Amino acid sequence: MSTVHDFSAKLASGEETSLAQFQGQVVLIVNTASKCGFTPQYTGLESLQQQYGTRGFSVLAFPCNQFGAQEPGTDTEIQSFCEMNYQTTFPLFSKIEVNGAASHPLFAHLKKEAPGVLGSKGIKWNFTKFLVNQQGKVVKRYSPSTKPEAIAADIEALL
């Protein structure tokens, strides 16, 4: 059985990165967008990063333009937007697709391991979140409307 650590993805900088480097850490994987009603969740995501980062936790953000074309920018523009407006310090990956034939393999794995409501496989909107334990196993899926601070107790329990 594969784990999140078996996948790799490109950072916004273009560098291919193995997620095996997060082995031993709790991670929160999120599909993000800069022009979404949920975009202010970047503040909460960064708060989680600041609160738990030194204890072996990281947010991993994956921009996606599949929902209402709410992430139209280039990787460089997205990274600048996040750093300037939300002072993000967690890894921001290159823009990907999370649904359909071109879905990134990581998200195909996440959806299989943690289906949505009533067993649905697709990602419904931006800011769907997946909590992953230190061994790379998907522990829980959260809806876009779940605020990052509501996940803190689950992160704490894994740490």
C-alpha atoms as a PDB file:
ATOM      1  CA  MET A   1       0.000   0.000   0.000  1.00  0.00           C
ATOM      2  CA  SER A   2       1.411   3.379  -0.924  1.00  0.00           C
ATOM      3  CA  THR A   3       1.615   6.386   1.352  1.00  0.00           C
ATOM      4  CA  VAL A   4       1.858  10.120   0.762  1.00  0.00           C
ATOM      5  CA  HIS A   5       5.634   9.720   1.096  1.00  0.00           C
ATOM      6  CA  ASP A   6       5.717   7.728  -2.158  1.00  0.00           C
ATOM      7  CA  PHE A   7       4.775  10.794  -4.233  1.00  0.00           C
ATOM      8  CA  SER A   8       6.640  13.807  -5.500  1.00  0.00           C
ATOM      9  CA  ALA A   9       5.510  17.186  -6.774  1.00  0.00           C
ATOM     10  CA  LYS A  10       7.009  20.380  -8.136  1.00  0.00           C
ATOM     11  CA  LEU A  11       7.383  23.341  -5.830  1.00  0.00           C
ATOM     12  CA  ALA A  12       6.275  26.743  -7.128  1.00  0.00           C
ATOM     13  CA  SER A  13       9.984  27.381  -7.757  1.00  0.00           C
ATOM     14  CA  GLY A  14       9.952  24.500 -10.266  1.00  0.00           C
ATOM     15  CA  GLU A  15      12.027  22.130  -8.143  1.00  0.00           C
ATOM     16  CA  GLU A  16      10.788  18.522  -8.073  1.00  0.00           C
ATOM     17  CA  THR A  17      10.379  17.487  -4.430  1.00  0.00           C
ATOM     18  CA  SER A  18       9.866  14.054  -2.919  1.00  0.00           C
ATOM     19  CA  LEU A  19       7.239  14.036  -0.197  1.00  0.00           C
ATOM     20  CA  ALA A  20       9.406  11.423   1.551  1.00  0.00           C
ATOM     21  CA  GLN A  21      11.195  14.402   3.078  1.00  0.00           C
ATOM     22  CA  PHE A  22       8.093  14.857   5.272  1.00  0.00           C
ATOM     23  CA  GLN A  23       8.390  11.350   6.710  1.00  0.00           C
ATOM     24  CA  GLY A  24       8.121  11.604  10.495  1.00  0.00           C
ATOM     25  CA  GLN A  25       6.031  14.788  10.259  1.00  0.00           C
ATOM     26  CA  VAL A  26       2.317  15.419  10.431  1.00  0.00           C
ATOM     27  CA  VAL A  27       1.204  17.281   7.289  1.00  0.00           C
ATOM     28  CA  LEU A  28      -1.935  19.064   6.221  1.00  0.00           C
ATOM     29  CA  ILE A  29      -2.302  18.961   2.425  1.00  0.00           C
ATOM     30  CA  VAL A  30      -4.598  21.640   1.008  1.00  0.00           C
ATOM     31  CA  ASN A  31      -5.715  22.554  -2.519  1.00  0.00           C
ATOM     32  CA  THR A  32      -5.681  26.351  -2.541  1.00  0.00           C
ATOM     33  CA  ALA A  33      -6.743  29.334  -4.657  1.00  0.00           C
ATOM     34  CA  SER A  34      -5.966  33.050  -4.453  1.00  0.00           C
ATOM     35  CA  LYS A  35      -9.317  34.426  -5.590  1.00  0.00           C
ATOM     36  CA  CYS A  36     -11.719  32.272  -3.566  1.00  0.00           C
ATOM     37  CA  GLY A  37     -14.049  33.125  -0.706  1.00  0.00           C
ATOM     38  CA  PHE A  38     -11.963  30.713   1.383  1.00  0.00           C
ATOM     39  CA  THR A  39      -8.636  32.399   0.505  1.00  0.00           C
ATOM     40  CA  PRO A  40      -8.463  34.103   3.943  1.00  0.00           C
ATOM     41  CA  GLN A  41      -7.904  30.582   5.335  1.00  0.00           C
ATOM     42  CA  TYR A  42      -4.250  31.153   4.392  1.00  0.00           C
ATOM     43  CA  THR A  43      -4.088  33.133   7.666  1.00  0.00           C
ATOM     44  CA  GLY A  44      -5.250  30.119   9.669  1.00  0.00           C
ATOM     45  CA  LEU A  45      -2.997  27.751   7.747  1.00  0.00           C
ATOM     46  CA  GLU A  46       0.020  29.943   8.509  1.00  0.00           C
ATOM     47  CA  SER A  47      -1.039  30.086  12.178  1.00  0.00           C
ATOM     48  CA  LEU A  48      -1.008  26.288  12.299  1.00  0.00           C
ATOM     49  CA  GLN A  49       2.429  26.294  10.642  1.00  0.00           C
ATOM     50  CA  GLN A  50       3.752  28.758  13.225  1.00  0.00           C
ATOM     51  CA  GLN A  51       2.135  26.952  16.152  1.00  0.00           C
ATOM     52  CA  TYR A  52       3.212  23.397  15.278  1.00  0.00           C
ATOM     53  CA  GLY A  53       6.070  23.728  12.770  1.00  0.00           C
ATOM     54  CA  THR A  54       8.799  23.261  15.356  1.00  0.00           C
ATOM     55  CA  ARG A  55       7.063  20.107  16.613  1.00  0.00           C
ATOM     56  CA  GLY A  56       7.152  18.266  13.276  1.00  0.00           C
ATOM     57  CA  PHE A  57       4.193  19.660  11.348  1.00  0.00           C
ATOM     58  CA  SER A  58       3.857  21.297   7.952  1.00  0.00           C
ATOM     59  CA  VAL A  59       1.119  22.653   5.734  1.00  0.00           C
ATOM     60  CA  LEU A  60       1.588  21.725   2.059  1.00  0.00           C
ATOM     61  CA  ALA A  61      -0.340  24.013  -0.308  1.00  0.00           C
ATOM     62  CA  PHE A  62      -1.275  22.931  -3.826  1.00  0.00           C
ATOM     63  CA  PRO A  63      -2.832  25.732  -5.920  1.00  0.00           C
ATOM     64  CA  CYS A  64      -5.562  24.608  -8.309  1.00  0.00           C
ATOM     65  CA  ASN A  65      -7.556  26.500 -10.947  1.00  0.00           C
ATOM     66  CA  GLN A  66     -10.312  23.898 -11.444  1.00  0.00           C
ATOM     67  CA  PHE A  67     -12.976  25.582  -9.331  1.00  0.00           C
ATOM     68  CA  GLY A  68     -14.415  28.766 -10.809  1.00  0.00           C
ATOM     69  CA  ALA A  69     -11.027  29.645 -12.337  1.00  0.00           C
ATOM     70  CA  GLN A  70     -10.098  31.130  -8.956  1.00  0.00           C
ATOM     71  CA  GLU A  71      -6.369  30.500  -9.333  1.00  0.00           C
ATOM     72  CA  PRO A  72      -5.493  32.047 -12.713  1.00  0.00           C
ATOM     73  CA  GLY A  73      -1.958  33.218 -11.896  1.00  0.00           C
ATOM     74  CA  THR A  74       1.418  31.692 -12.657  1.00  0.00           C
ATOM     75  CA  ASP A  75       3.323  29.823  -9.961  1.00  0.00           C
ATOM     76  CA  THR A  76       5.487  32.909  -9.368  1.00  0.00           C
ATOM     77  CA  GLU A  77       2.433  35.187  -9.070  1.00  0.00           C
ATOM     78  CA  ILE A  78       0.730  32.784  -6.666  1.00  0.00           C
ATOM     79  CA  GLN A  79       3.822  32.523  -4.492  1.00  0.00           C
ATOM     80  CA  SER A  80       4.204  36.323  -4.383  1.00  0.00           C
ATOM     81  CA  PHE A  81       0.504  36.729  -3.526  1.00  0.00           C
ATOM     82  CA  CYS A  82       0.753  34.278  -0.613  1.00  0.00           C
ATOM     83  CA  GLU A  83       3.958  35.740   0.778  1.00  0.00           C
ATOM     84  CA  MET A  84       2.858  39.377   0.448  1.00  0.00           C
ATOM     85  CA  ASN A  85      -0.722  39.010   1.674  1.00  0.00           C
ATOM     86  CA  TYR A  86      -0.469  36.147   4.159  1.00  0.00           C
ATOM     87  CA  GLN A  87       3.273  35.933   4.985  1.00  0.00           C
ATOM     88  CA  THR A  88       3.182  32.193   4.299  1.00  0.00           C
ATOM     89  CA  THR A  89       6.248  30.166   5.227  1.00  0.00           C
ATOM     90  CA  PHE A  90       4.991  26.659   4.392  1.00  0.00           C
ATOM     91  CA  PRO A  91       5.781  24.926   1.081  1.00  0.00           C
ATOM     92  CA  LEU A  92       3.754  26.129  -1.893  1.00  0.00           C
ATOM     93  CA  PHE A  93       3.701  23.734  -4.813  1.00  0.00           C
ATOM     94  CA  SER A  94       3.217  24.294  -8.514  1.00  0.00           C
ATOM     95  CA  LYS A  95      -0.368  24.638  -9.736  1.00  0.00           C
ATOM     96  CA  ILE A  96      -2.007  21.246 -10.311  1.00  0.00           C
ATOM     97  CA  GLU A  97      -5.327  19.614 -11.115  1.00  0.00           C
ATOM     98  CA  VAL A  98      -7.038  17.680  -8.338  1.00  0.00           C
ATOM     99  CA  ASN A  99      -9.921  16.125 -10.316  1.00  0.00           C
ATOM    100  CA  GLY A 100     -10.316  14.467 -13.695  1.00  0.00           C
ATOM    101  CA  ALA A 101      -7.973  12.621 -16.024  1.00  0.00           C
ATOM    102  CA  ALA A 102      -5.103  15.055 -15.362  1.00  0.00           C
ATOM    103  CA  SER A 103      -5.469  14.846 -11.570  1.00  0.00           C
ATOM    104  CA  HIS A 104      -2.100  14.875  -9.819  1.00  0.00           C
ATOM    105  CA  PRO A 105      -1.279  11.325  -8.599  1.00  0.00           C
ATOM    106  CA  LEU A 106      -0.991  12.586  -5.009  1.00  0.00           C
ATOM    107  CA  PHE A 107      -4.571  13.852  -5.062  1.00  0.00           C
ATOM    108  CA  ALA A 108      -5.808  10.648  -6.707  1.00  0.00           C
ATOM    109  CA  HIS A 109      -4.262   8.847  -3.722  1.00  0.00           C
ATOM    110  CA  LEU A 110      -5.705  11.291  -1.147  1.00  0.00           C
ATOM    111  CA  LYS A 111      -9.223  10.990  -2.589  1.00  0.00           C
ATOM    112  CA  LYS A 112      -9.007   7.185  -2.572  1.00  0.00           C
ATOM    113  CA  GLU A 113      -7.729   7.039   1.009  1.00  0.00           C
ATOM    114  CA  ALA A 114     -10.195   9.605   2.409  1.00  0.00           C
ATOM    115  CA  PRO A 115     -13.393   9.826   0.354  1.00  0.00           C
ATOM    116  CA  GLY A 116     -15.726  12.755   0.837  1.00  0.00           C
ATOM    117  CA  VAL A 117     -19.324  12.836   2.031  1.00  0.00           C
ATOM    118  CA  LEU A 118     -21.258   9.697   1.125  1.00  0.00           C
ATOM    119  CA  GLY A 119     -18.092   8.182  -0.324  1.00  0.00           C
ATOM    120  CA  SER A 120     -17.661  10.773  -3.062  1.00  0.00           C
ATOM    121  CA  LYS A 121     -14.203  10.700  -4.612  1.00  0.00           C
ATOM    122  CA  GLY A 122     -13.954  14.159  -6.161  1.00  0.00           C
ATOM    123  CA  ILE A 123     -12.695  17.313  -4.543  1.00  0.00           C
ATOM    124  CA  LYS A 124     -15.702  19.631  -4.297  1.00  0.00           C
ATOM    125  CA  TRP A 125     -13.953  23.024  -4.011  1.00  0.00           C
ATOM    126  CA  ASN A 126     -10.817  24.937  -3.060  1.00  0.00           C
ATOM    127  CA  PHE A 127      -9.385  24.466   0.428  1.00  0.00           C
ATOM    128  CA  THR A 128     -10.293  20.809   0.862  1.00  0.00           C
ATOM    129  CA  LYS A 129      -7.813  19.574   3.469  1.00  0.00           C
ATOM    130  CA  PHE A 130      -6.218  16.187   4.182  1.00  0.00           C
ATOM    131  CA  LEU A 131      -4.475  15.441   7.476  1.00  0.00           C
ATOM    132  CA  VAL A 132      -1.620  12.931   7.155  1.00  0.00           C
ATOM    133  CA  ASN A 133       0.251  11.230   9.997  1.00  0.00           C
ATOM    134  CA  GLN A 134       4.005  10.741  10.405  1.00  0.00           C
ATOM    135  CA  GLN A 135       3.902   7.467   8.461  1.00  0.00           C
ATOM    136  CA  GLY A 136       2.246   9.115   5.432  1.00  0.00           C
ATOM    137  CA  LYS A 137      -1.216   7.645   6.068  1.00  0.00           C
ATOM    138  CA  VAL A 138      -4.230   9.865   5.396  1.00  0.00           C
ATOM    139  CA  VAL A 139      -6.027  10.258   8.722  1.00  0.00           C
ATOM    140  CA  LYS A 140      -8.894  12.615   7.897  1.00  0.00           C
ATOM    141  CA  ARG A 141     -10.431  14.765   5.161  1.00  0.00           C
ATOM    142  CA  TYR A 142     -11.923  18.193   5.901  1.00  0.00           C
ATOM    143  CA  SER A 143     -14.364  20.210   3.837  1.00  0.00           C
ATOM    144  CA  PRO A 144     -13.445  23.608   2.372  1.00  0.00           C
ATOM    145  CA  SER A 145     -15.598  25.326   5.013  1.00  0.00           C
ATOM    146  CA  THR A 146     -13.632  23.748   7.891  1.00  0.00           C
ATOM    147  CA  LYS A 147     -11.486  26.536   9.286  1.00  0.00           C
ATOM    148  CA  PRO A 148      -7.831  25.614   9.873  1.00  0.00           C
ATOM    149  CA  GLU A 149      -8.076  26.435  13.592  1.00  0.00           C
ATOM    150  CA  ALA A 150     -10.788  23.745  13.920  1.00  0.00           C
ATOM    151  CA  ILE A 151      -8.160  21.167  12.906  1.00  0.00           C
ATOM    152  CA  ALA A 152      -5.699  22.125  15.659  1.00  0.00           C
ATOM    153  CA  ALA A 153      -6.922  19.481  18.138  1.00  0.00           C
ATOM    154  CA  ASP A 154      -6.534  16.732  15.525  1.00  0.00           C
ATOM    155  CA  ILE A 155      -2.995  17.920  14.739  1.00  0.00           C
ATOM    156  CA  GLU A 156      -2.182  18.078  18.442  1.00  0.00           C
ATOM    157  CA  ALA A 157      -3.423  14.501  18.930  1.00  0.00           C
ATOM    158  CA  LEU A 158      -1.081  13.235  16.188  1.00  0.00           C
ATOM    159  CA  LEU A 159       1.941  15.134  17.450  1.00  0.00           C
END
